[in-house]
Amino acid sequence: MTGIRTSLMRREVIPFYLSLAVLGGAALALDAVLHLSDLVWIGRYLGIPGVLLILASSGYSMRKRKLIKSGNPAVLLRWHERLAWAGSLLILVHAGIHFNAILAWLAVWAMLINIASGLTGKYLLGRARKRLEATRMRLRAQGLTAAALEEQTYWDSLTFDVVKAWRVVHLPITLAFGVLALAHIIAVALFWGWR
């Protein structure tokens, strides 16, 4: 049992927290480079490519909802993860450590919650899928009939369906982030002295 826990920790839990730590560390490092190079003004403009990268990452969601018909879903998912990560990095550097804009910080917190939600879904869903398939393979190897296989994996299948419902939570979080980010963008367009 210890081997299973260790393997689960190594394959699932550590990569999840490492992904979040790398994003935070990269944002702090890039922000530090800008400050040390006296190029802090660049951070002011990084929100624009950050938002564009996040918007570009929505191709996967559009494909899943059949709003677009082209593209391999597995490839689009990898691009979704990479583009959203890179866009989030730029937005975190853009946000910097400035506490003078509540709307901007609400948008950043919504983005961070969205990232954590996405990573949670990625690791939980992958883990549940692997476990269910491994159980089915083991039971097939024992020679169970299709009906017996379904009976034996009923609870695992039900659990997997519950884990798949994670997307129902992720979508409203994504929408909240989108609304707050859009409100921030509109406020910036109206009140920022574009010089």
C-alpha atoms as a PDB file:
ATOM      1  CA  MET A   1       0.000   0.000   0.000  1.00  0.00           C
ATOM      2  CA  THR A   2       2.901   2.349   0.706  1.00  0.00           C
ATOM      3  CA  GLY A   3       4.134   1.892  -2.877  1.00  0.00           C
ATOM      4  CA  ILE A   4       0.743   2.954  -4.222  1.00  0.00           C
ATOM      5  CA  ARG A   5       0.702   6.065  -2.033  1.00  0.00           C
ATOM      6  CA  THR A   6       4.260   6.955  -3.034  1.00  0.00           C
ATOM      7  CA  SER A   7       3.500   6.420  -6.706  1.00  0.00           C
ATOM      8  CA  LEU A   8       0.283   8.442  -6.446  1.00  0.00           C
ATOM      9  CA  MET A   9       2.155  11.226  -4.672  1.00  0.00           C
ATOM     10  CA  ARG A  10       4.904  11.227  -7.321  1.00  0.00           C
ATOM     11  CA  ARG A  11       2.621  11.002 -10.372  1.00  0.00           C
ATOM     12  CA  GLU A  12      -0.353  13.110  -9.299  1.00  0.00           C
ATOM     13  CA  VAL A  13       0.067  15.340  -6.253  1.00  0.00           C
ATOM     14  CA  ILE A  14       3.630  16.610  -6.752  1.00  0.00           C
ATOM     15  CA  PRO A  15       3.109  17.588 -10.429  1.00  0.00           C
ATOM     16  CA  PHE A  16      -0.052  19.491  -9.448  1.00  0.00           C
ATOM     17  CA  TYR A  17       1.684  21.598  -6.795  1.00  0.00           C
ATOM     18  CA  LEU A  18       4.838  21.872  -8.885  1.00  0.00           C
ATOM     19  CA  SER A  19       2.811  23.362 -11.766  1.00  0.00           C
ATOM     20  CA  LEU A  20       1.442  26.051  -9.462  1.00  0.00           C
ATOM     21  CA  ALA A  21       4.851  26.702  -7.873  1.00  0.00           C
ATOM     22  CA  VAL A  22       6.590  27.005 -11.250  1.00  0.00           C
ATOM     23  CA  LEU A  23       3.975  29.497 -12.441  1.00  0.00           C
ATOM     24  CA  GLY A  24       4.385  31.613  -9.297  1.00  0.00           C
ATOM     25  CA  GLY A  25       8.167  31.352  -9.353  1.00  0.00           C
ATOM     26  CA  ALA A  26       8.372  32.242 -13.035  1.00  0.00           C
ATOM     27  CA  ALA A  27       6.128  35.271 -12.496  1.00  0.00           C
ATOM     28  CA  LEU A  28       8.262  36.475  -9.570  1.00  0.00           C
ATOM     29  CA  ALA A  29      11.491  35.898 -11.515  1.00  0.00           C
ATOM     30  CA  LEU A  30      10.277  37.724 -14.626  1.00  0.00           C
ATOM     31  CA  ASP A  31       8.955  40.593 -12.492  1.00  0.00           C
ATOM     32  CA  ALA A  32      12.309  40.772 -10.680  1.00  0.00           C
ATOM     33  CA  VAL A  33      14.193  40.887 -14.002  1.00  0.00           C
ATOM     34  CA  LEU A  34      11.995  43.759 -15.169  1.00  0.00           C
ATOM     35  CA  HIS A  35      12.577  45.654 -11.910  1.00  0.00           C
ATOM     36  CA  LEU A  36      16.324  45.050 -11.863  1.00  0.00           C
ATOM     37  CA  SER A  37      16.621  46.102 -15.522  1.00  0.00           C
ATOM     38  CA  ASP A  38      14.577  49.240 -14.852  1.00  0.00           C
ATOM     39  CA  LEU A  39      12.018  47.989 -17.384  1.00  0.00           C
ATOM     40  CA  VAL A  40       8.992  47.901 -15.076  1.00  0.00           C
ATOM     41  CA  TRP A  41       6.983  49.818 -17.681  1.00  0.00           C
ATOM     42  CA  ILE A  42       6.980  46.669 -19.867  1.00  0.00           C
ATOM     43  CA  GLY A  43       4.861  44.903 -17.260  1.00  0.00           C
ATOM     44  CA  ARG A  44       2.156  47.496 -17.832  1.00  0.00           C
ATOM     45  CA  TYR A  45       1.686  46.148 -21.364  1.00  0.00           C
ATOM     46  CA  LEU A  46       2.078  42.397 -20.694  1.00  0.00           C
ATOM     47  CA  GLY A  47      -1.619  42.090 -19.890  1.00  0.00           C
ATOM     48  CA  ILE A  48      -2.467  42.497 -23.580  1.00  0.00           C
ATOM     49  CA  PRO A  49      -0.500  39.479 -24.911  1.00  0.00           C
ATOM     50  CA  GLY A  50      -1.496  37.567 -21.758  1.00  0.00           C
ATOM     51  CA  VAL A  51      -5.180  38.026 -22.524  1.00  0.00           C
ATOM     52  CA  LEU A  52      -4.605  37.164 -26.185  1.00  0.00           C
ATOM     53  CA  LEU A  53      -2.845  33.916 -25.213  1.00  0.00           C
ATOM     54  CA  ILE A  54      -5.678  32.966 -22.873  1.00  0.00           C
ATOM     55  CA  LEU A  55      -8.224  33.729 -25.582  1.00  0.00           C
ATOM     56  CA  ALA A  56      -6.214  31.606 -28.036  1.00  0.00           C
ATOM     57  CA  SER A  57      -6.293  28.754 -25.512  1.00  0.00           C
ATOM     58  CA  SER A  58     -10.085  28.608 -25.779  1.00  0.00           C
ATOM     59  CA  GLY A  59      -9.830  26.642 -29.047  1.00  0.00           C
ATOM     60  CA  TYR A  60     -10.014  23.426 -27.021  1.00  0.00           C
ATOM     61  CA  SER A  61     -13.220  24.493 -25.276  1.00  0.00           C
ATOM     62  CA  MET A  62     -14.745  25.594 -28.557  1.00  0.00           C
ATOM     63  CA  ARG A  63     -13.883  22.223 -30.142  1.00  0.00           C
ATOM     64  CA  LYS A  64     -15.376  20.293 -27.199  1.00  0.00           C
ATOM     65  CA  ARG A  65     -18.607  22.273 -27.523  1.00  0.00           C
ATOM     66  CA  LYS A  66     -18.586  21.744 -31.304  1.00  0.00           C
ATOM     67  CA  LEU A  67     -18.381  25.473 -32.009  1.00  0.00           C
ATOM     68  CA  ILE A  68     -15.442  24.652 -34.291  1.00  0.00           C
ATOM     69  CA  LYS A  69     -15.009  21.376 -36.138  1.00  0.00           C
ATOM     70  CA  SER A  70     -11.294  21.311 -36.891  1.00  0.00           C
ATOM     71  CA  GLY A  71      -8.482  20.208 -34.652  1.00  0.00           C
ATOM     72  CA  ASN A  72      -7.572  17.112 -32.711  1.00  0.00           C
ATOM     73  CA  PRO A  73      -9.039  17.451 -29.170  1.00  0.00           C
ATOM     74  CA  ALA A  74      -5.953  15.917 -27.521  1.00  0.00           C
ATOM     75  CA  VAL A  75      -3.624  18.334 -29.336  1.00  0.00           C
ATOM     76  CA  LEU A  76      -5.960  21.254 -28.609  1.00  0.00           C
ATOM     77  CA  LEU A  77      -6.007  20.303 -24.912  1.00  0.00           C
ATOM     78  CA  ARG A  78      -2.191  20.437 -24.758  1.00  0.00           C
ATOM     79  CA  TRP A  79      -2.241  23.842 -26.503  1.00  0.00           C
ATOM     80  CA  HIS A  80      -4.999  24.984 -24.126  1.00  0.00           C
ATOM     81  CA  GLU A  81      -2.835  24.108 -21.128  1.00  0.00           C
ATOM     82  CA  ARG A  82       0.335  25.701 -22.540  1.00  0.00           C
ATOM     83  CA  LEU A  83      -1.264  28.897 -23.861  1.00  0.00           C
ATOM     84  CA  ALA A  84      -3.312  29.417 -20.688  1.00  0.00           C
ATOM     85  CA  TRP A  85      -0.180  28.897 -18.574  1.00  0.00           C
ATOM     86  CA  ALA A  86       1.870  31.371 -20.647  1.00  0.00           C
ATOM     87  CA  GLY A  87      -0.980  33.914 -20.708  1.00  0.00           C
ATOM     88  CA  SER A  88      -1.426  33.580 -16.945  1.00  0.00           C
ATOM     89  CA  LEU A  89       2.302  34.124 -16.449  1.00  0.00           C
ATOM     90  CA  LEU A  90       2.192  37.373 -18.426  1.00  0.00           C
ATOM     91  CA  ILE A  91      -0.899  38.541 -16.569  1.00  0.00           C
ATOM     92  CA  LEU A  92       0.701  37.801 -13.192  1.00  0.00           C
ATOM     93  CA  VAL A  93       3.750  39.854 -14.187  1.00  0.00           C
ATOM     94  CA  HIS A  94       1.396  42.551 -15.497  1.00  0.00           C
ATOM     95  CA  ALA A  95      -0.423  42.601 -12.147  1.00  0.00           C
ATOM     96  CA  GLY A  96       2.862  42.828 -10.268  1.00  0.00           C
ATOM     97  CA  ILE A  97       2.603  43.676  -6.625  1.00  0.00           C
ATOM     98  CA  HIS A  98       0.351  46.686  -6.911  1.00  0.00           C
ATOM     99  CA  PHE A  99      -2.665  46.874  -4.639  1.00  0.00           C
ATOM    100  CA  ASN A 100      -4.208  50.063  -5.953  1.00  0.00           C
ATOM    101  CA  ALA A 101      -6.802  48.479  -8.268  1.00  0.00           C
ATOM    102  CA  ILE A 102      -9.387  46.228  -6.623  1.00  0.00           C
ATOM    103  CA  LEU A 103     -11.016  45.176  -9.911  1.00  0.00           C
ATOM    104  CA  ALA A 104      -7.680  44.099 -11.368  1.00  0.00           C
ATOM    105  CA  TRP A 105      -6.848  42.058  -8.273  1.00  0.00           C
ATOM    106  CA  LEU A 106     -10.278  40.412  -8.280  1.00  0.00           C
ATOM    107  CA  ALA A 107      -9.598  39.395 -11.886  1.00  0.00           C
ATOM    108  CA  VAL A 108      -6.149  38.049 -10.941  1.00  0.00           C
ATOM    109  CA  TRP A 109      -7.583  36.028  -8.045  1.00  0.00           C
ATOM    110  CA  ALA A 110     -10.325  34.675 -10.306  1.00  0.00           C
ATOM    111  CA  MET A 111      -7.612  33.700 -12.804  1.00  0.00           C
ATOM    112  CA  LEU A 112      -5.571  31.937 -10.101  1.00  0.00           C
ATOM    113  CA  ILE A 113      -8.647  30.052  -8.882  1.00  0.00           C
ATOM    114  CA  ASN A 114      -9.367  29.140 -12.501  1.00  0.00           C
ATOM    115  CA  ILE A 115      -5.816  27.815 -12.952  1.00  0.00           C
ATOM    116  CA  ALA A 116      -6.069  25.754  -9.760  1.00  0.00           C
ATOM    117  CA  SER A 117      -9.449  24.441 -10.909  1.00  0.00           C
ATOM    118  CA  GLY A 118      -8.072  23.512 -14.316  1.00  0.00           C
ATOM    119  CA  LEU A 119      -5.071  21.722 -12.857  1.00  0.00           C
ATOM    120  CA  THR A 120      -7.284  19.932 -10.328  1.00  0.00           C
ATOM    121  CA  GLY A 121      -9.510  18.699 -13.107  1.00  0.00           C
ATOM    122  CA  LYS A 122      -6.556  17.671 -15.215  1.00  0.00           C
ATOM    123  CA  TYR A 123      -4.977  15.551 -12.506  1.00  0.00           C
ATOM    124  CA  LEU A 124      -8.179  14.202 -10.914  1.00  0.00           C
ATOM    125  CA  LEU A 125      -9.796  13.320 -14.212  1.00  0.00           C
ATOM    126  CA  GLY A 126      -6.636  11.659 -15.515  1.00  0.00           C
ATOM    127  CA  ARG A 127      -6.217   9.688 -12.309  1.00  0.00           C
ATOM    128  CA  ALA A 128      -9.843   8.547 -12.246  1.00  0.00           C
ATOM    129  CA  ARG A 129      -9.720   7.501 -15.908  1.00  0.00           C
ATOM    130  CA  LYS A 130      -6.505   5.487 -15.398  1.00  0.00           C
ATOM    131  CA  ARG A 131      -7.862   3.770 -12.304  1.00  0.00           C
ATOM    132  CA  LEU A 132     -11.131   2.811 -14.002  1.00  0.00           C
ATOM    133  CA  GLU A 133      -9.359   1.464 -17.085  1.00  0.00           C
ATOM    134  CA  ALA A 134      -6.841  -0.489 -14.977  1.00  0.00           C
ATOM    135  CA  THR A 135      -9.687  -2.076 -13.020  1.00  0.00           C
ATOM    136  CA  ARG A 136     -11.512  -3.004 -16.218  1.00  0.00           C
ATOM    137  CA  MET A 137      -8.361  -4.530 -17.716  1.00  0.00           C
ATOM    138  CA  ARG A 138      -7.709  -6.555 -14.564  1.00  0.00           C
ATOM    139  CA  LEU A 139     -11.280  -7.860 -14.509  1.00  0.00           C
ATOM    140  CA  ARG A 140     -11.205  -8.695 -18.243  1.00  0.00           C
ATOM    141  CA  ALA A 141      -8.027 -10.666 -17.641  1.00  0.00           C
ATOM    142  CA  GLN A 142      -9.927 -12.662 -15.005  1.00  0.00           C
ATOM    143  CA  GLY A 143     -12.441 -13.644 -17.720  1.00  0.00           C
ATOM    144  CA  LEU A 144     -15.499 -11.721 -16.514  1.00  0.00           C
ATOM    145  CA  THR A 145     -18.425 -11.315 -18.878  1.00  0.00           C
ATOM    146  CA  ALA A 146     -19.451  -7.854 -20.042  1.00  0.00           C
ATOM    147  CA  ALA A 147     -22.405  -7.816 -17.622  1.00  0.00           C
ATOM    148  CA  ALA A 148     -20.227  -8.931 -14.698  1.00  0.00           C
ATOM    149  CA  LEU A 149     -17.597  -6.369 -15.677  1.00  0.00           C
ATOM    150  CA  GLU A 150     -20.185  -3.579 -15.595  1.00  0.00           C
ATOM    151  CA  GLU A 151     -21.473  -4.791 -12.226  1.00  0.00           C
ATOM    152  CA  GLN A 152     -17.980  -4.942 -10.742  1.00  0.00           C
ATOM    153  CA  THR A 153     -17.013  -1.470 -12.013  1.00  0.00           C
ATOM    154  CA  TYR A 154     -20.349   0.211 -11.246  1.00  0.00           C
ATOM    155  CA  TRP A 155     -19.065   2.294  -8.318  1.00  0.00           C
ATOM    156  CA  ASP A 156     -15.812   3.188 -10.071  1.00  0.00           C
ATOM    157  CA  SER A 157     -17.783   4.254 -13.159  1.00  0.00           C
ATOM    158  CA  LEU A 158     -20.111   6.305 -10.989  1.00  0.00           C
ATOM    159  CA  THR A 159     -17.130   7.956  -9.281  1.00  0.00           C
ATOM    160  CA  PHE A 160     -15.570   8.720 -12.663  1.00  0.00           C
ATOM    161  CA  ASP A 161     -18.830  10.345 -13.784  1.00  0.00           C
ATOM    162  CA  VAL A 162     -18.787  12.506 -10.640  1.00  0.00           C
ATOM    163  CA  VAL A 163     -15.181  13.537 -11.281  1.00  0.00           C
ATOM    164  CA  LYS A 164     -16.115  14.408 -14.885  1.00  0.00           C
ATOM    165  CA  ALA A 165     -18.716  16.772 -13.418  1.00  0.00           C
ATOM    166  CA  TRP A 166     -15.739  18.891 -12.272  1.00  0.00           C
ATOM    167  CA  ARG A 167     -16.151  20.705 -15.569  1.00  0.00           C
ATOM    168  CA  VAL A 168     -19.493  21.994 -14.329  1.00  0.00           C
ATOM    169  CA  VAL A 169     -17.540  23.850 -11.607  1.00  0.00           C
ATOM    170  CA  HIS A 170     -14.655  24.926 -13.851  1.00  0.00           C
ATOM    171  CA  LEU A 171     -16.885  26.660 -16.416  1.00  0.00           C
ATOM    172  CA  PRO A 172     -18.516  29.162 -13.984  1.00  0.00           C
ATOM    173  CA  ILE A 173     -15.087  29.933 -12.517  1.00  0.00           C
ATOM    174  CA  THR A 174     -13.832  30.590 -16.046  1.00  0.00           C
ATOM    175  CA  LEU A 175     -16.824  32.826 -16.748  1.00  0.00           C
ATOM    176  CA  ALA A 176     -16.279  34.791 -13.512  1.00  0.00           C
ATOM    177  CA  PHE A 177     -12.652  35.314 -14.510  1.00  0.00           C
ATOM    178  CA  GLY A 178     -13.745  36.412 -17.985  1.00  0.00           C
ATOM    179  CA  VAL A 179     -16.276  38.923 -16.657  1.00  0.00           C
ATOM    180  CA  LEU A 180     -13.821  40.411 -14.145  1.00  0.00           C
ATOM    181  CA  ALA A 181     -11.046  40.560 -16.747  1.00  0.00           C
ATOM    182  CA  LEU A 182     -13.378  42.225 -19.257  1.00  0.00           C
ATOM    183  CA  ALA A 183     -14.482  44.762 -16.641  1.00  0.00           C
ATOM    184  CA  HIS A 184     -10.821  45.504 -15.882  1.00  0.00           C
ATOM    185  CA  ILE A 185     -10.026  45.908 -19.593  1.00  0.00           C
ATOM    186  CA  ILE A 186     -12.964  48.270 -20.079  1.00  0.00           C
ATOM    187  CA  ALA A 187     -11.950  50.306 -17.025  1.00  0.00           C
ATOM    188  CA  VAL A 188      -8.388  50.536 -18.317  1.00  0.00           C
ATOM    189  CA  ALA A 189      -9.593  51.613 -21.763  1.00  0.00           C
ATOM    190  CA  LEU A 190     -11.752  54.334 -20.214  1.00  0.00           C
ATOM    191  CA  PHE A 191      -9.465  55.670 -17.508  1.00  0.00           C
ATOM    192  CA  TRP A 192      -5.861  54.835 -18.338  1.00  0.00           C
ATOM    193  CA  GLY A 193      -3.756  57.675 -19.673  1.00  0.00           C
ATOM    194  CA  TRP A 194      -2.415  55.939 -22.817  1.00  0.00           C
ATOM    195  CA  ARG A 195       0.975  57.537 -23.241  1.00  0.00           C
END
